[in-house]
Amino acid sequence: DYQAMVAELRNAGIRAEVYLGNPKHFGNQLKYADKRNSPVAVIEGGDEKANGVVQIKDLILGAKIAESATLEEWKERPSQFEVPRTELAAKVREILDGQD
């Protein structure tokens, strides 16, 4: 389903790619995204797929929060959002527009 998500994002004018490494090593996927300076990561595990949702992680905001935020500030400004799968492109666009 990641290929379908990438196609959907690209059709919406958003650059996207799929991590081709071992999907069992989730941490490596996020490290790869960081190395590529990706502004957003899309996560869909088995639970998300079963519930028709995706997790969208704002990597730019997450990094900024991690630099100096207290735990309370971090909780008030989440950098990861769960949205219905049908709202993927719209939420990614919203996050990207807010990063400028």
PDB file of N, CA and C in Angstrom:
ATOM      1  N   ASP A   1       0.816  -1.202   0.000  1.00  0.00           N
ATOM      2  CA  ASP A   1       0.000   0.000   0.000  1.00  0.00           C
ATOM      3  C   ASP A   1       0.858   1.264   0.000  1.00  0.00           C
ATOM      4  N   TYR A   2       2.132   1.148   0.374  1.00  0.00           N
ATOM      5  CA  TYR A   2       2.995   2.330   0.354  1.00  0.00           C
ATOM      6  C   TYR A   2       3.167   2.875  -1.062  1.00  0.00           C
ATOM      7  N   GLN A   3       3.221   1.994  -2.041  1.00  0.00           N
ATOM      8  CA  GLN A   3       3.329   2.465  -3.433  1.00  0.00           C
ATOM      9  C   GLN A   3       2.113   3.297  -3.815  1.00  0.00           C
ATOM     10  N   ALA A   4       0.931   2.883  -3.368  1.00  0.00           N
ATOM     11  CA  ALA A   4      -0.292   3.642  -3.647  1.00  0.00           C
ATOM     12  C   ALA A   4      -0.247   4.998  -2.956  1.00  0.00           C
ATOM     13  N   MET A   5       0.284   5.037  -1.732  1.00  0.00           N
ATOM     14  CA  MET A   5       0.389   6.307  -1.014  1.00  0.00           C
ATOM     15  C   MET A   5       1.354   7.247  -1.721  1.00  0.00           C
ATOM     16  N   VAL A   6       2.482   6.713  -2.165  1.00  0.00           N
ATOM     17  CA  VAL A   6       3.462   7.530  -2.884  1.00  0.00           C
ATOM     18  C   VAL A   6       2.833   8.089  -4.154  1.00  0.00           C
ATOM     19  N   ALA A   7       2.113   7.256  -4.888  1.00  0.00           N
ATOM     20  CA  ALA A   7       1.454   7.718  -6.114  1.00  0.00           C
ATOM     21  C   ALA A   7       0.437   8.815  -5.796  1.00  0.00           C
ATOM     22  N   GLU A   8      -0.320   8.637  -4.734  1.00  0.00           N
ATOM     23  CA  GLU A   8      -1.308   9.642  -4.337  1.00  0.00           C
ATOM     24  C   GLU A   8      -0.641  10.971  -3.988  1.00  0.00           C
ATOM     25  N   LEU A   9       0.436  10.906  -3.228  1.00  0.00           N
ATOM     26  CA  LEU A   9       1.150  12.127  -2.862  1.00  0.00           C
ATOM     27  C   LEU A   9       1.751  12.795  -4.090  1.00  0.00           C
ATOM     28  N   ARG A  10       2.342  12.020  -4.965  1.00  0.00           N
ATOM     29  CA  ARG A  10       2.936  12.588  -6.175  1.00  0.00           C
ATOM     30  C   ARG A  10       1.865  13.216  -7.054  1.00  0.00           C
ATOM     31  N   ASN A  11       0.708  12.575  -7.154  1.00  0.00           N
ATOM     32  CA  ASN A  11      -0.392  13.141  -7.936  1.00  0.00           C
ATOM     33  C   ASN A  11      -0.886  14.457  -7.350  1.00  0.00           C
ATOM     34  N   ALA A  12      -0.673  14.645  -6.055  1.00  0.00           N
ATOM     35  CA  ALA A  12      -1.055  15.894  -5.394  1.00  0.00           C
ATOM     36  C   ALA A  12       0.082  16.926  -5.450  1.00  0.00           C
ATOM     37  N   GLY A  13       1.153  16.607  -6.175  1.00  0.00           N
ATOM     38  CA  GLY A  13       2.264  17.536  -6.326  1.00  0.00           C
ATOM     39  C   GLY A  13       3.246  17.528  -5.170  1.00  0.00           C
ATOM     40  N   ILE A  14       3.242  16.447  -4.397  1.00  0.00           N
ATOM     41  CA  ILE A  14       4.125  16.328  -3.237  1.00  0.00           C
ATOM     42  C   ILE A  14       5.187  15.280  -3.544  1.00  0.00           C
ATOM     43  N   ARG A  15       6.471  15.659  -3.434  1.00  0.00           N
ATOM     44  CA  ARG A  15       7.551  14.690  -3.650  1.00  0.00           C
ATOM     45  C   ARG A  15       7.458  13.599  -2.597  1.00  0.00           C
ATOM     46  N   ALA A  16       7.605  12.354  -3.012  1.00  0.00           N
ATOM     47  CA  ALA A  16       7.493  11.237  -2.070  1.00  0.00           C
ATOM     48  C   ALA A  16       8.315  10.065  -2.566  1.00  0.00           C
ATOM     49  N   GLU A  17       8.782   9.259  -1.615  1.00  0.00           N
ATOM     50  CA  GLU A  17       9.508   8.040  -1.951  1.00  0.00           C
ATOM     51  C   GLU A  17       9.243   6.995  -0.879  1.00  0.00           C
ATOM     52  N   VAL A  18       9.573   5.753  -1.199  1.00  0.00           N
ATOM     53  CA  VAL A  18       9.388   4.632  -0.279  1.00  0.00           C
ATOM     54  C   VAL A  18      10.750   4.167   0.205  1.00  0.00           C
ATOM     55  N   TYR A  19      10.853   3.907   1.498  1.00  0.00           N
ATOM     56  CA  TYR A  19      12.070   3.331   2.070  1.00  0.00           C
ATOM     57  C   TYR A  19      12.157   1.879   1.602  1.00  0.00           C
ATOM     58  N   LEU A  20      13.274   1.506   0.994  1.00  0.00           N
ATOM     59  CA  LEU A  20      13.403   0.171   0.416  1.00  0.00           C
ATOM     60  C   LEU A  20      14.184  -0.803   1.288  1.00  0.00           C
ATOM     61  N   GLY A  21      14.581  -0.367   2.475  1.00  0.00           N
ATOM     62  CA  GLY A  21      15.305  -1.257   3.377  1.00  0.00           C
ATOM     63  C   GLY A  21      14.354  -2.219   4.074  1.00  0.00           C
ATOM     64  N   ASN A  22      14.859  -2.918   5.066  1.00  0.00           N
ATOM     65  CA  ASN A  22      14.076  -3.892   5.807  1.00  0.00           C
ATOM     66  C   ASN A  22      12.979  -3.181   6.607  1.00  0.00           C
ATOM     67  N   PRO A  23      11.707  -3.443   6.315  1.00  0.00           N
ATOM     68  CA  PRO A  23      10.622  -2.753   7.005  1.00  0.00           C
ATOM     69  C   PRO A  23      10.497  -3.129   8.479  1.00  0.00           C
ATOM     70  N   LYS A  24      11.163  -4.195   8.894  1.00  0.00           N
ATOM     71  CA  LYS A  24      11.093  -4.604  10.300  1.00  0.00           C
ATOM     72  C   LYS A  24      11.942  -3.711  11.198  1.00  0.00           C
ATOM     73  N   HIS A  25      12.845  -2.957  10.597  1.00  0.00           N
ATOM     74  CA  HIS A  25      13.724  -2.072  11.359  1.00  0.00           C
ATOM     75  C   HIS A  25      13.193  -0.640  11.247  1.00  0.00           C
ATOM     76  N   PHE A  26      12.121  -0.379  11.988  1.00  0.00           N
ATOM     77  CA  PHE A  26      11.425   0.898  11.890  1.00  0.00           C
ATOM     78  C   PHE A  26      12.348   2.087  12.157  1.00  0.00           C
ATOM     79  N   GLY A  27      13.223   1.961  13.135  1.00  0.00           N
ATOM     80  CA  GLY A  27      14.143   3.053  13.449  1.00  0.00           C
ATOM     81  C   GLY A  27      15.006   3.423  12.266  1.00  0.00           C
ATOM     82  N   ASN A  28      15.421   2.432  11.493  1.00  0.00           N
ATOM     83  CA  ASN A  28      16.237   2.697  10.311  1.00  0.00           C
ATOM     84  C   ASN A  28      15.461   3.500   9.273  1.00  0.00           C
ATOM     85  N   GLN A  29      14.159   3.268   9.208  1.00  0.00           N
ATOM     86  CA  GLN A  29      13.332   4.010   8.257  1.00  0.00           C
ATOM     87  C   GLN A  29      13.332   5.494   8.604  1.00  0.00           C
ATOM     88  N   LEU A  30      13.193   5.802   9.882  1.00  0.00           N
ATOM     89  CA  LEU A  30      13.188   7.207  10.290  1.00  0.00           C
ATOM     90  C   LEU A  30      14.578   7.829  10.166  1.00  0.00           C
ATOM     91  N   LYS A  31      15.634   7.050  10.431  1.00  0.00           N
ATOM     92  CA  LYS A  31      16.994   7.549  10.229  1.00  0.00           C
ATOM     93  C   LYS A  31      17.219   7.890   8.758  1.00  0.00           C
ATOM     94  N   TYR A  32      16.717   7.021   7.873  1.00  0.00           N
ATOM     95  CA  TYR A  32      16.826   7.263   6.432  1.00  0.00           C
ATOM     96  C   TYR A  32      16.113   8.569   6.070  1.00  0.00           C
ATOM     97  N   ALA A  33      14.923   8.758   6.608  1.00  0.00           N
ATOM     98  CA  ALA A  33      14.168   9.991   6.339  1.00  0.00           C
ATOM     99  C   ALA A  33      14.953  11.206   6.823  1.00  0.00           C
ATOM    100  N   ASP A  34      15.573  11.103   7.985  1.00  0.00           N
ATOM    101  CA  ASP A  34      16.385  12.209   8.504  1.00  0.00           C
ATOM    102  C   ASP A  34      17.566  12.501   7.580  1.00  0.00           C
ATOM    103  N   LYS A  35      18.255  11.450   7.133  1.00  0.00           N
ATOM    104  CA  LYS A  35      19.403  11.634   6.242  1.00  0.00           C
ATOM    105  C   LYS A  35      18.993  12.307   4.938  1.00  0.00           C
ATOM    106  N   ARG A  36      17.776  12.028   4.491  1.00  0.00           N
ATOM    107  CA  ARG A  36      17.273  12.608   3.245  1.00  0.00           C
ATOM    108  C   ARG A  36      16.666  13.988   3.458  1.00  0.00           C
ATOM    109  N   ASN A  37      16.712  14.462   4.717  1.00  0.00           N
ATOM    110  CA  ASN A  37      16.084  15.743   5.074  1.00  0.00           C
ATOM    111  C   ASN A  37      14.608  15.768   4.709  1.00  0.00           C
ATOM    112  N   SER A  38      13.955  14.649   4.899  1.00  0.00           N
ATOM    113  CA  SER A  38      12.527  14.560   4.623  1.00  0.00           C
ATOM    114  C   SER A  38      11.763  15.378   5.656  1.00  0.00           C
ATOM    115  N   PRO A  39      10.820  16.179   5.219  1.00  0.00           N
ATOM    116  CA  PRO A  39      10.063  16.986   6.167  1.00  0.00           C
ATOM    117  C   PRO A  39       8.946  16.211   6.864  1.00  0.00           C
ATOM    118  N   VAL A  40       8.526  15.097   6.256  1.00  0.00           N
ATOM    119  CA  VAL A  40       7.395  14.329   6.774  1.00  0.00           C
ATOM    120  C   VAL A  40       7.651  12.839   6.556  1.00  0.00           C
ATOM    121  N   ALA A  41       7.185  12.029   7.489  1.00  0.00           N
ATOM    122  CA  ALA A  41       7.202  10.572   7.322  1.00  0.00           C
ATOM    123  C   ALA A  41       5.773  10.061   7.487  1.00  0.00           C
ATOM    124  N   VAL A  42       5.398   9.111   6.645  1.00  0.00           N
ATOM    125  CA  VAL A  42       4.077   8.496   6.721  1.00  0.00           C
ATOM    126  C   VAL A  42       4.265   7.079   7.229  1.00  0.00           C
ATOM    127  N   ILE A  43       3.482   6.713   8.230  1.00  0.00           N
ATOM    128  CA  ILE A  43       3.616   5.412   8.873  1.00  0.00           C
ATOM    129  C   ILE A  43       2.273   4.692   8.812  1.00  0.00           C
ATOM    130  N   GLU A  44       2.310   3.465   8.312  1.00  0.00           N
ATOM    131  CA  GLU A  44       1.103   2.640   8.316  1.00  0.00           C
ATOM    132  C   GLU A  44       1.495   1.216   8.696  1.00  0.00           C
ATOM    133  N   GLY A  45       1.301   0.888   9.954  1.00  0.00           N
ATOM    134  CA  GLY A  45       1.531  -0.468  10.416  1.00  0.00           C
ATOM    135  C   GLY A  45       0.243  -1.272  10.297  1.00  0.00           C
ATOM    136  N   GLY A  46       0.275  -2.470  10.817  1.00  0.00           N
ATOM    137  CA  GLY A  46      -0.889  -3.341  10.742  1.00  0.00           C
ATOM    138  C   GLY A  46      -2.116  -2.775  11.438  1.00  0.00           C
ATOM    139  N   ASP A  47      -1.918  -2.186  12.610  1.00  0.00           N
ATOM    140  CA  ASP A  47      -3.045  -1.597  13.345  1.00  0.00           C
ATOM    141  C   ASP A  47      -3.653  -0.435  12.572  1.00  0.00           C
ATOM    142  N   GLU A  48      -2.793   0.424  12.033  1.00  0.00           N
ATOM    143  CA  GLU A  48      -3.297   1.558  11.264  1.00  0.00           C
ATOM    144  C   GLU A  48      -4.079   1.077  10.044  1.00  0.00           C
ATOM    145  N   LYS A  49      -3.503   0.123   9.337  1.00  0.00           N
ATOM    146  CA  LYS A  49      -4.172  -0.388   8.137  1.00  0.00           C
ATOM    147  C   LYS A  49      -5.542  -0.952   8.484  1.00  0.00           C
ATOM    148  N   ALA A  50      -5.610  -1.719   9.573  1.00  0.00           N
ATOM    149  CA  ALA A  50      -6.882  -2.318   9.991  1.00  0.00           C
ATOM    150  C   ALA A  50      -7.923  -1.257  10.353  1.00  0.00           C
ATOM    151  N   ASN A  51      -7.443  -0.110  10.846  1.00  0.00           N
ATOM    152  CA  ASN A  51      -8.351   0.955  11.264  1.00  0.00           C
ATOM    153  C   ASN A  51      -8.566   2.027  10.202  1.00  0.00           C
ATOM    154  N   GLY A  52      -7.929   1.865   9.035  1.00  0.00           N
ATOM    155  CA  GLY A  52      -8.110   2.827   7.950  1.00  0.00           C
ATOM    156  C   GLY A  52      -7.492   4.188   8.212  1.00  0.00           C
ATOM    157  N   VAL A  53      -6.389   4.197   8.967  1.00  0.00           N
ATOM    158  CA  VAL A  53      -5.715   5.457   9.297  1.00  0.00           C
ATOM    159  C   VAL A  53      -4.230   5.352   8.962  1.00  0.00           C
ATOM    160  N   VAL A  54      -3.568   6.492   8.972  1.00  0.00           N
ATOM    161  CA  VAL A  54      -2.113   6.550   8.848  1.00  0.00           C
ATOM    162  C   VAL A  54      -1.592   7.516   9.902  1.00  0.00           C
ATOM    163  N   GLN A  55      -0.351   7.322  10.284  1.00  0.00           N
ATOM    164  CA  GLN A  55       0.346   8.248  11.167  1.00  0.00           C
ATOM    165  C   GLN A  55       1.212   9.131  10.269  1.00  0.00           C
ATOM    166  N   ILE A  56       1.154  10.431  10.490  1.00  0.00           N
ATOM    167  CA  ILE A  56       1.984  11.359   9.726  1.00  0.00           C
ATOM    168  C   ILE A  56       2.847  12.112  10.723  1.00  0.00           C
ATOM    169  N   LYS A  57       4.138  11.974  10.560  1.00  0.00           N
ATOM    170  CA  LYS A  57       5.091  12.572  11.492  1.00  0.00           C
ATOM    171  C   LYS A  57       5.742  13.790  10.850  1.00  0.00           C
ATOM    172  N   ASP A  58       5.592  14.931  11.495  1.00  0.00           N
ATOM    173  CA  ASP A  58       6.230  16.164  11.061  1.00  0.00           C
ATOM    174  C   ASP A  58       7.662  16.129  11.594  1.00  0.00           C
ATOM    175  N   LEU A  59       8.608  15.781  10.752  1.00  0.00           N
ATOM    176  CA  LEU A  59       9.991  15.603  11.182  1.00  0.00           C
ATOM    177  C   LEU A  59      10.674  16.926  11.499  1.00  0.00           C
ATOM    178  N   ILE A  60      10.280  17.991  10.842  1.00  0.00           N
ATOM    179  CA  ILE A  60      10.878  19.302  11.102  1.00  0.00           C
ATOM    180  C   ILE A  60      10.441  19.799  12.478  1.00  0.00           C
ATOM    181  N   LEU A  61       9.134  19.785  12.737  1.00  0.00           N
ATOM    182  CA  LEU A  61       8.632  20.223  14.031  1.00  0.00           C
ATOM    183  C   LEU A  61       9.153  19.321  15.145  1.00  0.00           C
ATOM    184  N   GLY A  62       9.170  18.018  14.902  1.00  0.00           N
ATOM    185  CA  GLY A  62       9.670  17.074  15.902  1.00  0.00           C
ATOM    186  C   GLY A  62      11.101  17.380  16.306  1.00  0.00           C
ATOM    187  N   ALA A  63      11.936  17.711  15.332  1.00  0.00           N
ATOM    188  CA  ALA A  63      13.336  18.038  15.625  1.00  0.00           C
ATOM    189  C   ALA A  63      13.434  19.337  16.418  1.00  0.00           C
ATOM    190  N   LYS A  64      12.632  20.326  16.055  1.00  0.00           N
ATOM    191  CA  LYS A  64      12.652  21.595  16.784  1.00  0.00           C
ATOM    192  C   LYS A  64      12.201  21.409  18.226  1.00  0.00           C
ATOM    193  N   ILE A  65      11.138  20.645  18.414  1.00  0.00           N
ATOM    194  CA  ILE A  65      10.626  20.404  19.761  1.00  0.00           C
ATOM    195  C   ILE A  65      11.671  19.658  20.587  1.00  0.00           C
ATOM    196  N   ALA A  66      12.300  18.676  19.984  1.00  0.00           N
ATOM    197  CA  ALA A  66      13.281  17.856  20.696  1.00  0.00           C
ATOM    198  C   ALA A  66      14.486  18.666  21.158  1.00  0.00           C
ATOM    199  N   GLU A  67      14.807  19.739  20.451  1.00  0.00           N
ATOM    200  CA  GLU A  67      15.973  20.555  20.802  1.00  0.00           C
ATOM    201  C   GLU A  67      15.843  21.207  22.167  1.00  0.00           C
ATOM    202  N   SER A  68      14.647  21.730  22.482  1.00  0.00           N
ATOM    203  CA  SER A  68      14.576  22.556  23.681  1.00  0.00           C
ATOM    204  C   SER A  68      13.287  22.431  24.494  1.00  0.00           C
ATOM    205  N   ALA A  69      12.332  21.685  24.043  1.00  0.00           N
ATOM    206  CA  ALA A  69      11.032  21.653  24.719  1.00  0.00           C
ATOM    207  C   ALA A  69      11.064  20.802  25.983  1.00  0.00           C
ATOM    208  N   THR A  70      10.270  21.225  26.930  1.00  0.00           N
ATOM    209  CA  THR A  70      10.043  20.398  28.109  1.00  0.00           C
ATOM    210  C   THR A  70       9.040  19.325  27.728  1.00  0.00           C
ATOM    211  N   LEU A  71       8.864  18.338  28.587  1.00  0.00           N
ATOM    212  CA  LEU A  71       7.895  17.283  28.316  1.00  0.00           C
ATOM    213  C   LEU A  71       6.503  17.867  28.135  1.00  0.00           C
ATOM    214  N   GLU A  72       6.138  18.851  28.949  1.00  0.00           N
ATOM    215  CA  GLU A  72       4.815  19.471  28.859  1.00  0.00           C
ATOM    216  C   GLU A  72       4.638  20.187  27.520  1.00  0.00           C
ATOM    217  N   GLU A  73       5.668  20.921  27.095  1.00  0.00           N
ATOM    218  CA  GLU A  73       5.596  21.612  25.807  1.00  0.00           C
ATOM    219  C   GLU A  73       5.503  20.614  24.656  1.00  0.00           C
ATOM    220  N   TRP A  74       6.234  19.522  24.786  1.00  0.00           N
ATOM    221  CA  TRP A  74       6.210  18.493  23.751  1.00  0.00           C
ATOM    222  C   TRP A  74       4.807  17.903  23.612  1.00  0.00           C
ATOM    223  N   LYS A  75       4.157  17.664  24.739  1.00  0.00           N
ATOM    224  CA  LYS A  75       2.800  17.107  24.713  1.00  0.00           C
ATOM    225  C   LYS A  75       1.798  18.090  24.119  1.00  0.00           C
ATOM    226  N   GLU A  76       2.013  19.394  24.344  1.00  0.00           N
ATOM    227  CA  GLU A  76       1.108  20.415  23.831  1.00  0.00           C
ATOM    228  C   GLU A  76       1.262  20.631  22.327  1.00  0.00           C
ATOM    229  N   ARG A  77       2.431  20.312  21.796  1.00  0.00           N
ATOM    230  CA  ARG A  77       2.689  20.524  20.368  1.00  0.00           C
ATOM    231  C   ARG A  77       3.102  19.206  19.724  1.00  0.00           C
ATOM    232  N   PRO A  78       2.154  18.311  19.565  1.00  0.00           N
ATOM    233  CA  PRO A  78       2.528  17.006  18.993  1.00  0.00           C
ATOM    234  C   PRO A  78       3.042  17.162  17.560  1.00  0.00           C
ATOM    235  N   SER A  79       3.988  16.317  17.235  1.00  0.00           N
ATOM    236  CA  SER A  79       4.539  16.355  15.877  1.00  0.00           C
ATOM    237  C   SER A  79       4.103  15.140  15.065  1.00  0.00           C
ATOM    238  N   GLN A  80       3.218  14.330  15.627  1.00  0.00           N
ATOM    239  CA  GLN A  80       2.704  13.161  14.914  1.00  0.00           C
ATOM    240  C   GLN A  80       1.189  13.169  14.991  1.00  0.00           C
ATOM    241  N   PHE A  81       0.567  12.917  13.840  1.00  0.00           N
ATOM    242  CA  PHE A  81      -0.879  13.003  13.726  1.00  0.00           C
ATOM    243  C   PHE A  81      -1.440  11.717  13.143  1.00  0.00           C
ATOM    244  N   GLU A  82      -2.556  11.265  13.673  1.00  0.00           N
ATOM    245  CA  GLU A  82      -3.268  10.131  13.093  1.00  0.00           C
ATOM    246  C   GLU A  82      -4.451  10.693  12.320  1.00  0.00           C
ATOM    247  N   VAL A  83      -4.530  10.333  11.036  1.00  0.00           N
ATOM    248  CA  VAL A  83      -5.614  10.815  10.198  1.00  0.00           C
ATOM    249  C   VAL A  83      -6.191   9.658   9.396  1.00  0.00           C
ATOM    250  N   PRO A  84      -7.443   9.781   8.968  1.00  0.00           N
ATOM    251  CA  PRO A  84      -7.991   8.761   8.079  1.00  0.00           C
ATOM    252  C   PRO A  84      -7.134   8.649   6.820  1.00  0.00           C
ATOM    253  N   ARG A  85      -6.973   7.458   6.330  1.00  0.00           N
ATOM    254  CA  ARG A  85      -6.150   7.208   5.134  1.00  0.00           C
ATOM    255  C   ARG A  85      -6.579   8.098   3.975  1.00  0.00           C
ATOM    256  N   THR A  86      -7.880   8.376   3.880  1.00  0.00           N
ATOM    257  CA  THR A  86      -8.402   9.193   2.787  1.00  0.00           C
ATOM    258  C   THR A  86      -7.944  10.648   2.867  1.00  0.00           C
ATOM    259  N   GLU A  87      -7.430  11.067   4.014  1.00  0.00           N
ATOM    260  CA  GLU A  87      -6.993  12.455   4.202  1.00  0.00           C
ATOM    261  C   GLU A  87      -5.466  12.602   4.141  1.00  0.00           C
ATOM    262  N   LEU A  88      -4.786  11.563   3.691  1.00  0.00           N
ATOM    263  CA  LEU A  88      -3.323  11.557   3.650  1.00  0.00           C
ATOM    264  C   LEU A  88      -2.748  12.784   2.963  1.00  0.00           C
ATOM    265  N   ALA A  89      -3.073  12.983   1.693  1.00  0.00           N
ATOM    266  CA  ALA A  89      -2.462  14.070   0.921  1.00  0.00           C
ATOM    267  C   ALA A  89      -2.810  15.432   1.514  1.00  0.00           C
ATOM    268  N   ALA A  90      -4.037  15.616   1.959  1.00  0.00           N
ATOM    269  CA  ALA A  90      -4.454  16.903   2.512  1.00  0.00           C
ATOM    270  C   ALA A  90      -3.678  17.220   3.790  1.00  0.00           C
ATOM    271  N   LYS A  91      -3.487  16.239   4.665  1.00  0.00           N
ATOM    272  CA  LYS A  91      -2.770  16.484   5.918  1.00  0.00           C
ATOM    273  C   LYS A  91      -1.287  16.712   5.663  1.00  0.00           C
ATOM    274  N   VAL A  92      -0.699  15.953   4.745  1.00  0.00           N
ATOM    275  CA  VAL A  92       0.715  16.171   4.413  1.00  0.00           C
ATOM    276  C   VAL A  92       0.889  17.581   3.852  1.00  0.00           C
ATOM    277  N   ARG A  93      -0.008  18.008   2.966  1.00  0.00           N
ATOM    278  CA  ARG A  93       0.069  19.357   2.405  1.00  0.00           C
ATOM    279  C   ARG A  93      -0.052  20.408   3.511  1.00  0.00           C
ATOM    280  N   GLU A  94      -0.982  20.194   4.443  1.00  0.00           N
ATOM    281  CA  GLU A  94      -1.160  21.125   5.569  1.00  0.00           C
ATOM    282  C   GLU A  94       0.128  21.245   6.399  1.00  0.00           C
ATOM    283  N   ILE A  95       0.749  20.113   6.680  1.00  0.00           N
ATOM    284  CA  ILE A  95       1.995  20.126   7.447  1.00  0.00           C
ATOM    285  C   ILE A  95       3.097  20.839   6.684  1.00  0.00           C
ATOM    286  N   LEU A  96       3.248  20.510   5.418  1.00  0.00           N
ATOM    287  CA  LEU A  96       4.299  21.140   4.607  1.00  0.00           C
ATOM    288  C   LEU A  96       4.084  22.656   4.504  1.00  0.00           C
ATOM    289  N   ASP A  97       2.862  23.071   4.332  1.00  0.00           N
ATOM    290  CA  ASP A  97       2.570  24.507   4.231  1.00  0.00           C
ATOM    291  C   ASP A  97       2.882  25.215   5.549  1.00  0.00           C
ATOM    292  N   GLY A  98       2.713  24.540   6.663  1.00  0.00           N
ATOM    293  CA  GLY A  98       2.985  25.126   7.961  1.00  0.00           C
ATOM    294  C   GLY A  98       4.455  25.174   8.325  1.00  0.00           C
ATOM    295  N   GLN A  99       5.294  24.477   7.581  1.00  0.00           N
ATOM    296  CA  GLN A  99       6.728  24.433   7.885  1.00  0.00           C
ATOM    297  C   GLN A  99       7.477  25.637   7.336  1.00  0.00           C
ATOM    298  N   ASP A 100       6.898  26.369   6.447  1.00  0.00           N
ATOM    299  CA  ASP A 100       7.584  27.526   5.844  1.00  0.00           C
ATOM    300  C   ASP A 100       7.470  28.703   6.715  1.00  0.00           C
TER     301      ASP A 100
END
